[in-house]
Amino acid sequence: MYYMLKRKGVNMNQYNMIASIVEAETSANFEELMQDEEFKKLFESLVGKVNGTSIALQLSEYANNNLI
């Protein structure tokens, strides 16, 4: 997964920052959320289009509304 993101311009620090925000907003483990195909597709669709904080907040909203 990380290699795909790296090709889109996401480095490990950005990935960790996104994961930290999502975990704080949802109280869920980011890696477990990434197991959900729709969550993962949303993550991949946002990478490179919006900033990391925006990605994290949109993912958190999705997770809170659909997974938790």
N, C-alpha and C. Protein backbone atom coordinates (compact mmCIF):
# COMPACT_ATOMS: atom_id res chain seq x y z
N MET A 1 0.81 -1.19 0.00
CA MET A 1 0.00 0.00 0.00
C MET A 1 0.86 1.25 0.00
N TYR A 2 1.87 1.29 0.87
CA TYR A 2 2.69 2.49 0.97
C TYR A 2 3.38 2.80 -0.36
N TYR A 3 3.79 1.77 -1.10
CA TYR A 3 4.48 2.01 -2.37
C TYR A 3 3.56 2.68 -3.37
N MET A 4 2.29 2.30 -3.39
CA MET A 4 1.33 2.94 -4.27
C MET A 4 1.18 4.41 -3.89
N LEU A 5 1.12 4.68 -2.60
CA LEU A 5 0.97 6.05 -2.13
C LEU A 5 2.21 6.88 -2.43
N LYS A 6 3.37 6.27 -2.31
CA LYS A 6 4.62 6.97 -2.58
C LYS A 6 4.65 7.42 -4.04
N ARG A 7 4.14 6.58 -4.94
CA ARG A 7 4.09 6.97 -6.36
C ARG A 7 3.19 8.18 -6.56
N LYS A 8 2.19 8.34 -5.69
CA LYS A 8 1.27 9.47 -5.79
C LYS A 8 1.77 10.68 -5.00
N GLY A 9 2.93 10.57 -4.40
CA GLY A 9 3.52 11.70 -3.71
C GLY A 9 3.29 11.77 -2.21
N VAL A 10 2.84 10.68 -1.59
CA VAL A 10 2.62 10.65 -0.15
C VAL A 10 3.83 9.99 0.51
N ASN A 11 4.49 10.73 1.40
CA ASN A 11 5.62 10.11 2.10
C ASN A 11 5.14 9.51 3.41
N MET A 12 6.01 8.82 4.08
CA MET A 12 5.63 8.11 5.30
C MET A 12 5.18 9.07 6.40
N ASN A 13 5.79 10.25 6.49
CA ASN A 13 5.36 11.23 7.50
C ASN A 13 3.92 11.67 7.26
N GLN A 14 3.57 11.92 6.00
CA GLN A 14 2.20 12.31 5.67
C GLN A 14 1.23 11.17 5.99
N TYR A 15 1.60 9.96 5.64
CA TYR A 15 0.76 8.79 5.91
C TYR A 15 0.53 8.65 7.41
N ASN A 16 1.59 8.80 8.19
CA ASN A 16 1.47 8.68 9.65
C ASN A 16 0.62 9.80 10.23
N MET A 17 0.75 11.01 9.68
CA MET A 17 -0.06 12.14 10.15
C MET A 17 -1.53 11.88 9.86
N ILE A 18 -1.85 11.40 8.66
CA ILE A 18 -3.23 11.08 8.30
C ILE A 18 -3.76 10.00 9.24
N ALA A 19 -2.97 8.96 9.45
CA ALA A 19 -3.39 7.86 10.33
C ALA A 19 -3.64 8.37 11.75
N SER A 20 -2.78 9.22 12.25
CA SER A 20 -2.93 9.75 13.62
C SER A 20 -4.21 10.56 13.77
N ILE A 21 -4.50 11.40 12.79
CA ILE A 21 -5.72 12.22 12.86
C ILE A 21 -6.95 11.32 12.80
N VAL A 22 -6.94 10.36 11.88
CA VAL A 22 -8.09 9.45 11.76
C VAL A 22 -8.30 8.69 13.05
N GLU A 23 -7.24 8.18 13.64
CA GLU A 23 -7.36 7.43 14.88
C GLU A 23 -7.89 8.31 16.02
N ALA A 24 -7.47 9.56 16.06
CA ALA A 24 -7.95 10.47 17.10
C ALA A 24 -9.42 10.82 16.91
N GLU A 25 -9.83 10.96 15.66
CA GLU A 25 -11.22 11.35 15.36
C GLU A 25 -12.20 10.18 15.46
N THR A 26 -11.69 8.95 15.33
CA THR A 26 -12.58 7.79 15.28
C THR A 26 -12.40 6.82 16.44
N SER A 27 -11.30 6.89 17.14
CA SER A 27 -10.93 5.91 18.18
C SER A 27 -10.80 4.51 17.59
N ALA A 28 -10.48 4.44 16.30
CA ALA A 28 -10.29 3.15 15.63
C ALA A 28 -8.87 3.07 15.10
N ASN A 29 -8.36 1.86 14.98
CA ASN A 29 -7.04 1.62 14.44
C ASN A 29 -7.06 1.85 12.93
N PHE A 30 -6.16 2.71 12.45
CA PHE A 30 -6.14 3.07 11.03
C PHE A 30 -5.91 1.86 10.13
N GLU A 31 -5.00 0.99 10.52
CA GLU A 31 -4.71 -0.18 9.70
C GLU A 31 -5.93 -1.10 9.60
N GLU A 32 -6.71 -1.18 10.66
CA GLU A 32 -7.94 -1.97 10.60
C GLU A 32 -8.97 -1.32 9.69
N LEU A 33 -9.06 0.02 9.73
CA LEU A 33 -9.96 0.71 8.82
C LEU A 33 -9.54 0.49 7.37
N MET A 34 -8.24 0.43 7.14
CA MET A 34 -7.73 0.23 5.77
C MET A 34 -8.08 -1.16 5.22
N GLN A 35 -8.54 -2.06 6.07
CA GLN A 35 -8.97 -3.38 5.62
C GLN A 35 -10.29 -3.30 4.86
N ASP A 36 -11.07 -2.24 5.14
CA ASP A 36 -12.35 -2.05 4.46
C ASP A 36 -12.08 -1.51 3.05
N GLU A 37 -12.58 -2.19 2.04
CA GLU A 37 -12.30 -1.83 0.65
C GLU A 37 -12.81 -0.43 0.29
N GLU A 38 -13.99 -0.05 0.77
CA GLU A 38 -14.53 1.27 0.44
C GLU A 38 -13.71 2.38 1.10
N PHE A 39 -13.28 2.15 2.34
CA PHE A 39 -12.43 3.11 3.04
C PHE A 39 -11.12 3.28 2.27
N LYS A 40 -10.54 2.16 1.88
CA LYS A 40 -9.28 2.18 1.14
C LYS A 40 -9.43 2.89 -0.20
N LYS A 41 -10.53 2.63 -0.91
CA LYS A 41 -10.77 3.30 -2.19
C LYS A 41 -10.91 4.80 -2.00
N LEU A 42 -11.61 5.20 -0.95
CA LEU A 42 -11.75 6.62 -0.67
C LEU A 42 -10.39 7.24 -0.39
N PHE A 43 -9.59 6.59 0.41
CA PHE A 43 -8.24 7.06 0.72
C PHE A 43 -7.44 7.25 -0.57
N GLU A 44 -7.44 6.24 -1.41
CA GLU A 44 -6.69 6.30 -2.66
C GLU A 44 -7.21 7.39 -3.58
N SER A 45 -8.51 7.62 -3.58
CA SER A 45 -9.09 8.64 -4.46
C SER A 45 -8.74 10.05 -4.00
N LEU A 46 -8.51 10.24 -2.72
CA LEU A 46 -8.22 11.57 -2.19
C LEU A 46 -6.74 11.94 -2.28
N VAL A 47 -5.87 10.95 -2.30
CA VAL A 47 -4.43 11.19 -2.33
C VAL A 47 -4.08 11.98 -3.60
N GLY A 48 -3.35 13.06 -3.40
CA GLY A 48 -2.91 13.87 -4.51
C GLY A 48 -3.92 14.93 -4.94
N LYS A 49 -5.12 14.86 -4.40
CA LYS A 49 -6.14 15.84 -4.77
C LYS A 49 -6.36 16.88 -3.69
N VAL A 50 -6.21 16.47 -2.44
CA VAL A 50 -6.40 17.40 -1.31
C VAL A 50 -5.26 17.18 -0.31
N ASN A 51 -5.14 18.11 0.63
CA ASN A 51 -4.03 17.99 1.59
C ASN A 51 -4.30 16.90 2.62
N GLY A 52 -3.27 16.56 3.37
CA GLY A 52 -3.35 15.45 4.32
C GLY A 52 -4.40 15.62 5.39
N THR A 53 -4.56 16.83 5.91
CA THR A 53 -5.57 17.06 6.94
C THR A 53 -6.96 16.85 6.38
N SER A 54 -7.19 17.33 5.18
CA SER A 54 -8.49 17.15 4.53
C SER A 54 -8.77 15.68 4.27
N ILE A 55 -7.75 14.95 3.84
CA ILE A 55 -7.90 13.50 3.64
C ILE A 55 -8.32 12.84 4.94
N ALA A 56 -7.60 13.17 6.02
CA ALA A 56 -7.88 12.56 7.32
C ALA A 56 -9.29 12.86 7.80
N LEU A 57 -9.73 14.09 7.64
CA LEU A 57 -11.07 14.47 8.11
C LEU A 57 -12.16 13.79 7.29
N GLN A 58 -11.96 13.68 5.99
CA GLN A 58 -12.95 13.00 5.15
C GLN A 58 -13.00 11.51 5.46
N LEU A 59 -11.83 10.91 5.69
CA LEU A 59 -11.79 9.50 6.05
C LEU A 59 -12.45 9.27 7.42
N SER A 60 -12.20 10.17 8.34
CA SER A 60 -12.80 10.06 9.67
C SER A 60 -14.31 10.15 9.59
N GLU A 61 -14.81 11.08 8.81
CA GLU A 61 -16.25 11.22 8.65
C GLU A 61 -16.84 9.96 8.05
N TYR A 62 -16.19 9.42 7.01
CA TYR A 62 -16.67 8.19 6.40
C TYR A 62 -16.70 7.05 7.42
N ALA A 63 -15.60 6.88 8.16
CA ALA A 63 -15.51 5.80 9.13
C ALA A 63 -16.58 5.95 10.22
N ASN A 64 -16.73 7.14 10.74
CA ASN A 64 -17.71 7.36 11.81
C ASN A 64 -19.15 7.12 11.32
N ASN A 65 -19.43 7.45 10.09
CA ASN A 65 -20.78 7.30 9.55
C ASN A 65 -21.08 5.89 9.03
N ASN A 66 -20.04 5.17 8.62
CA ASN A 66 -20.28 3.90 7.94
C ASN A 66 -19.66 2.66 8.56
N LEU A 67 -18.65 2.84 9.38
CA LEU A 67 -17.91 1.67 9.87
C LEU A 67 -17.96 1.50 11.39
N ILE A 68 -18.16 2.55 12.09
CA ILE A 68 -18.07 2.49 13.56
C ILE A 68 -19.45 2.64 14.18
